[in-house]
Amino acid sequence: LIFQSISNRDLIVVRNCVMLLAAMVVIVNFVVDILYAVIDPRVKASDI
């Protein structure tokens, strides 16, 4: 979808795809940080 939008110069779709990917990266990083604190008992919640 994003490659087709770039070739068609559909900037709204490109912008929305980039924002969606960025939001997914932020959410995945947050979940990994929380899971790391749960799995490793040496990490306290205040260290996150």
PDB file of N, CA and C in Angstrom:
ATOM      1  N   LEU A   1       0.831  -1.197   0.000  1.00  0.00           N
ATOM      2  CA  LEU A   1       0.000   0.000   0.000  1.00  0.00           C
ATOM      3  C   LEU A   1       0.870   1.252   0.000  1.00  0.00           C
ATOM      4  N   ILE A   2       1.902   1.236   0.827  1.00  0.00           N
ATOM      5  CA  ILE A   2       2.712   2.454   0.945  1.00  0.00           C
ATOM      6  C   ILE A   2       3.544   2.685  -0.322  1.00  0.00           C
ATOM      7  N   PHE A   3       4.038   1.610  -0.938  1.00  0.00           N
ATOM      8  CA  PHE A   3       4.826   1.788  -2.163  1.00  0.00           C
ATOM      9  C   PHE A   3       3.950   2.276  -3.311  1.00  0.00           C
ATOM     10  N   GLN A   4       2.737   1.761  -3.373  1.00  0.00           N
ATOM     11  CA  GLN A   4       1.805   2.212  -4.403  1.00  0.00           C
ATOM     12  C   GLN A   4       1.425   3.675  -4.175  1.00  0.00           C
ATOM     13  N   SER A   5       1.256   4.053  -2.922  1.00  0.00           N
ATOM     14  CA  SER A   5       0.902   5.438  -2.607  1.00  0.00           C
ATOM     15  C   SER A   5       2.048   6.389  -2.919  1.00  0.00           C
ATOM     16  N   ILE A   6       3.272   5.945  -2.680  1.00  0.00           N
ATOM     17  CA  ILE A   6       4.430   6.787  -3.005  1.00  0.00           C
ATOM     18  C   ILE A   6       4.509   7.006  -4.511  1.00  0.00           C
ATOM     19  N   SER A   7       4.308   5.939  -5.274  1.00  0.00           N
ATOM     20  CA  SER A   7       4.399   6.091  -6.730  1.00  0.00           C
ATOM     21  C   SER A   7       3.249   6.924  -7.290  1.00  0.00           C
ATOM     22  N   ASN A   8       2.099   6.905  -6.613  1.00  0.00           N
ATOM     23  CA  ASN A   8       0.959   7.720  -7.056  1.00  0.00           C
ATOM     24  C   ASN A   8       0.967   9.111  -6.434  1.00  0.00           C
ATOM     25  N   ARG A   9       1.951   9.393  -5.606  1.00  0.00           N
ATOM     26  CA  ARG A   9       2.088  10.684  -4.909  1.00  0.00           C
ATOM     27  C   ARG A   9       0.854  11.005  -4.061  1.00  0.00           C
ATOM     28  N   ASP A  10       0.330   9.966  -3.416  1.00  0.00           N
ATOM     29  CA  ASP A  10      -0.808  10.132  -2.517  1.00  0.00           C
ATOM     30  C   ASP A  10      -0.246  10.354  -1.111  1.00  0.00           C
ATOM     31  N   LEU A  11       0.052  11.608  -0.812  1.00  0.00           N
ATOM     32  CA  LEU A  11       0.794  11.930   0.402  1.00  0.00           C
ATOM     33  C   LEU A  11      -0.010  11.703   1.673  1.00  0.00           C
ATOM     34  N   ILE A  12      -1.321  11.794   1.604  1.00  0.00           N
ATOM     35  CA  ILE A  12      -2.134  11.571   2.803  1.00  0.00           C
ATOM     36  C   ILE A  12      -2.021  10.116   3.254  1.00  0.00           C
ATOM     37  N   VAL A  13      -2.089   9.188   2.313  1.00  0.00           N
ATOM     38  CA  VAL A  13      -1.968   7.771   2.655  1.00  0.00           C
ATOM     39  C   VAL A  13      -0.559   7.470   3.153  1.00  0.00           C
ATOM     40  N   VAL A  14       0.445   8.047   2.530  1.00  0.00           N
ATOM     41  CA  VAL A  14       1.829   7.832   2.961  1.00  0.00           C
ATOM     42  C   VAL A  14       2.020   8.344   4.384  1.00  0.00           C
ATOM     43  N   ARG A  15       1.515   9.541   4.659  1.00  0.00           N
ATOM     44  CA  ARG A  15       1.646  10.114   6.001  1.00  0.00           C
ATOM     45  C   ARG A  15       0.952   9.244   7.035  1.00  0.00           C
ATOM     46  N   ASN A  16      -0.250   8.776   6.715  1.00  0.00           N
ATOM     47  CA  ASN A  16      -0.982   7.948   7.668  1.00  0.00           C
ATOM     48  C   ASN A  16      -0.307   6.602   7.890  1.00  0.00           C
ATOM     49  N   CYS A  17       0.269   6.027   6.861  1.00  0.00           N
ATOM     50  CA  CYS A  17       0.996   4.765   7.022  1.00  0.00           C
ATOM     51  C   CYS A  17       2.233   4.955   7.895  1.00  0.00           C
ATOM     52  N   VAL A  18       2.944   6.043   7.694  1.00  0.00           N
ATOM     53  CA  VAL A  18       4.132   6.323   8.507  1.00  0.00           C
ATOM     54  C   VAL A  18       3.739   6.553   9.965  1.00  0.00           C
ATOM     55  N   MET A  19       2.655   7.283  10.182  1.00  0.00           N
ATOM     56  CA  MET A  19       2.195   7.521  11.557  1.00  0.00           C
ATOM     57  C   MET A  19       1.751   6.218  12.221  1.00  0.00           C
ATOM     58  N   LEU A  20       1.092   5.341  11.471  1.00  0.00           N
ATOM     59  CA  LEU A  20       0.666   4.055  12.014  1.00  0.00           C
ATOM     60  C   LEU A  20       1.870   3.196  12.377  1.00  0.00           C
ATOM     61  N   LEU A  21       2.864   3.160  11.513  1.00  0.00           N
ATOM     62  CA  LEU A  21       4.075   2.393  11.811  1.00  0.00           C
ATOM     63  C   LEU A  21       4.810   2.958  13.026  1.00  0.00           C
ATOM     64  N   ALA A  22       4.878   4.274  13.138  1.00  0.00           N
ATOM     65  CA  ALA A  22       5.540   4.890  14.287  1.00  0.00           C
ATOM     66  C   ALA A  22       4.783   4.580  15.574  1.00  0.00           C
ATOM     67  N   ALA A  23       3.467   4.628  15.530  1.00  0.00           N
ATOM     68  CA  ALA A  23       2.666   4.306  16.715  1.00  0.00           C
ATOM     69  C   ALA A  23       2.851   2.846  17.107  1.00  0.00           C
ATOM     70  N   MET A  24       2.945   1.965  16.128  1.00  0.00           N
ATOM     71  CA  MET A  24       3.157   0.552  16.429  1.00  0.00           C
ATOM     72  C   MET A  24       4.517   0.329  17.082  1.00  0.00           C
ATOM     73  N   VAL A  25       5.533   1.038  16.626  1.00  0.00           N
ATOM     74  CA  VAL A  25       6.867   0.913  17.227  1.00  0.00           C
ATOM     75  C   VAL A  25       6.841   1.376  18.680  1.00  0.00           C
ATOM     76  N   VAL A  26       6.175   2.489  18.948  1.00  0.00           N
ATOM     77  CA  VAL A  26       6.090   3.007  20.316  1.00  0.00           C
ATOM     78  C   VAL A  26       5.350   2.024  21.213  1.00  0.00           C
ATOM     79  N   ILE A  27       4.245   1.473  20.732  1.00  0.00           N
ATOM     80  CA  ILE A  27       3.460   0.535  21.537  1.00  0.00           C
ATOM     81  C   ILE A  27       4.248  -0.742  21.806  1.00  0.00           C
ATOM     82  N   VAL A  28       4.924  -1.269  20.799  1.00  0.00           N
ATOM     83  CA  VAL A  28       5.714  -2.490  20.989  1.00  0.00           C
ATOM     84  C   VAL A  28       6.854  -2.243  21.972  1.00  0.00           C
ATOM     85  N   ASN A  29       7.524  -1.098  21.878  1.00  0.00           N
ATOM     86  CA  ASN A  29       8.594  -0.787  22.826  1.00  0.00           C
ATOM     87  C   ASN A  29       8.067  -0.685  24.248  1.00  0.00           C
ATOM     88  N   PHE A  30       6.896  -0.089  24.422  1.00  0.00           N
ATOM     89  CA  PHE A  30       6.290   0.025  25.745  1.00  0.00           C
ATOM     90  C   PHE A  30       5.957  -1.357  26.309  1.00  0.00           C
ATOM     91  N   VAL A  31       5.375  -2.219  25.485  1.00  0.00           N
ATOM     92  CA  VAL A  31       5.017  -3.566  25.937  1.00  0.00           C
ATOM     93  C   VAL A  31       6.268  -4.359  26.295  1.00  0.00           C
ATOM     94  N   VAL A  32       7.313  -4.233  25.506  1.00  0.00           N
ATOM     95  CA  VAL A  32       8.560  -4.950  25.798  1.00  0.00           C
ATOM     96  C   VAL A  32       9.164  -4.460  27.111  1.00  0.00           C
ATOM     97  N   ASP A  33       9.135  -3.161  27.367  1.00  0.00           N
ATOM     98  CA  ASP A  33       9.646  -2.635  28.635  1.00  0.00           C
ATOM     99  C   ASP A  33       8.866  -3.189  29.818  1.00  0.00           C
ATOM    100  N   ILE A  34       7.558  -3.235  29.710  1.00  0.00           N
ATOM    101  CA  ILE A  34       6.734  -3.766  30.794  1.00  0.00           C
ATOM    102  C   ILE A  34       7.000  -5.254  30.992  1.00  0.00           C
ATOM    103  N   LEU A  35       7.069  -6.012  29.904  1.00  0.00           N
ATOM    104  CA  LEU A  35       7.335  -7.446  30.025  1.00  0.00           C
ATOM    105  C   LEU A  35       8.721  -7.712  30.593  1.00  0.00           C
ATOM    106  N   TYR A  36       9.681  -6.896  30.248  1.00  0.00           N
ATOM    107  CA  TYR A  36      11.028  -7.066  30.787  1.00  0.00           C
ATOM    108  C   TYR A  36      11.028  -6.880  32.302  1.00  0.00           C
ATOM    109  N   ALA A  37      10.256  -5.914  32.774  1.00  0.00           N
ATOM    110  CA  ALA A  37      10.166  -5.687  34.215  1.00  0.00           C
ATOM    111  C   ALA A  37       9.449  -6.842  34.903  1.00  0.00           C
ATOM    112  N   VAL A  38       8.504  -7.459  34.236  1.00  0.00           N
ATOM    113  CA  VAL A  38       7.783  -8.593  34.825  1.00  0.00           C
ATOM    114  C   VAL A  38       8.662  -9.836  34.840  1.00  0.00           C
ATOM    115  N   ILE A  39       9.390 -10.070  33.766  1.00  0.00           N
ATOM    116  CA  ILE A  39      10.192 -11.286  33.646  1.00  0.00           C
ATOM    117  C   ILE A  39      11.434 -11.228  34.523  1.00  0.00           C
ATOM    118  N   ASP A  40      12.113 -10.105  34.553  1.00  0.00           N
ATOM    119  CA  ASP A  40      13.363  -9.976  35.303  1.00  0.00           C
ATOM    120  C   ASP A  40      13.080  -9.302  36.642  1.00  0.00           C
ATOM    121  N   PRO A  41      13.163 -10.033  37.734  1.00  0.00           N
ATOM    122  CA  PRO A  41      12.820  -9.444  39.037  1.00  0.00           C
ATOM    123  C   PRO A  41      13.828  -8.402  39.523  1.00  0.00           C
ATOM    124  N   ARG A  42      15.010  -8.351  38.918  1.00  0.00           N
ATOM    125  CA  ARG A  42      15.994  -7.356  39.346  1.00  0.00           C
ATOM    126  C   ARG A  42      15.610  -5.950  38.922  1.00  0.00           C
ATOM    127  N   VAL A  43      14.755  -5.845  37.926  1.00  0.00           N
ATOM    128  CA  VAL A  43      14.322  -4.542  37.435  1.00  0.00           C
ATOM    129  C   VAL A  43      13.088  -4.126  38.214  1.00  0.00           C
ATOM    130  N   LYS A  44      13.181  -2.963  38.857  1.00  0.00           N
ATOM    131  CA  LYS A  44      12.037  -2.450  39.602  1.00  0.00           C
ATOM    132  C   LYS A  44      11.190  -1.577  38.692  1.00  0.00           C
ATOM    133  N   ALA A  45       9.964  -1.331  39.094  1.00  0.00           N
ATOM    134  CA  ALA A  45       9.067  -0.495  38.299  1.00  0.00           C
ATOM    135  C   ALA A  45       9.590   0.934  38.211  1.00  0.00           C
ATOM    136  N   SER A  46      10.348   1.365  39.210  1.00  0.00           N
ATOM    137  CA  SER A  46      10.870   2.729  39.185  1.00  0.00           C
ATOM    138  C   SER A  46      12.020   2.886  38.189  1.00  0.00           C
ATOM    139  N   ASP A  47      12.609   1.778  37.737  1.00  0.00           N
ATOM    140  CA  ASP A  47      13.704   1.838  36.772  1.00  0.00           C
ATOM    141  C   ASP A  47      13.214   2.018  35.342  1.00  0.00           C
ATOM    142  N   ILE A  48      11.949   1.805  35.116  1.00  0.00           N
ATOM    143  CA  ILE A  48      11.420   1.852  33.748  1.00  0.00           C
ATOM    144  C   ILE A  48      11.284   3.272  33.283  1.00  0.00           C
TER     145      ILE A  48
END
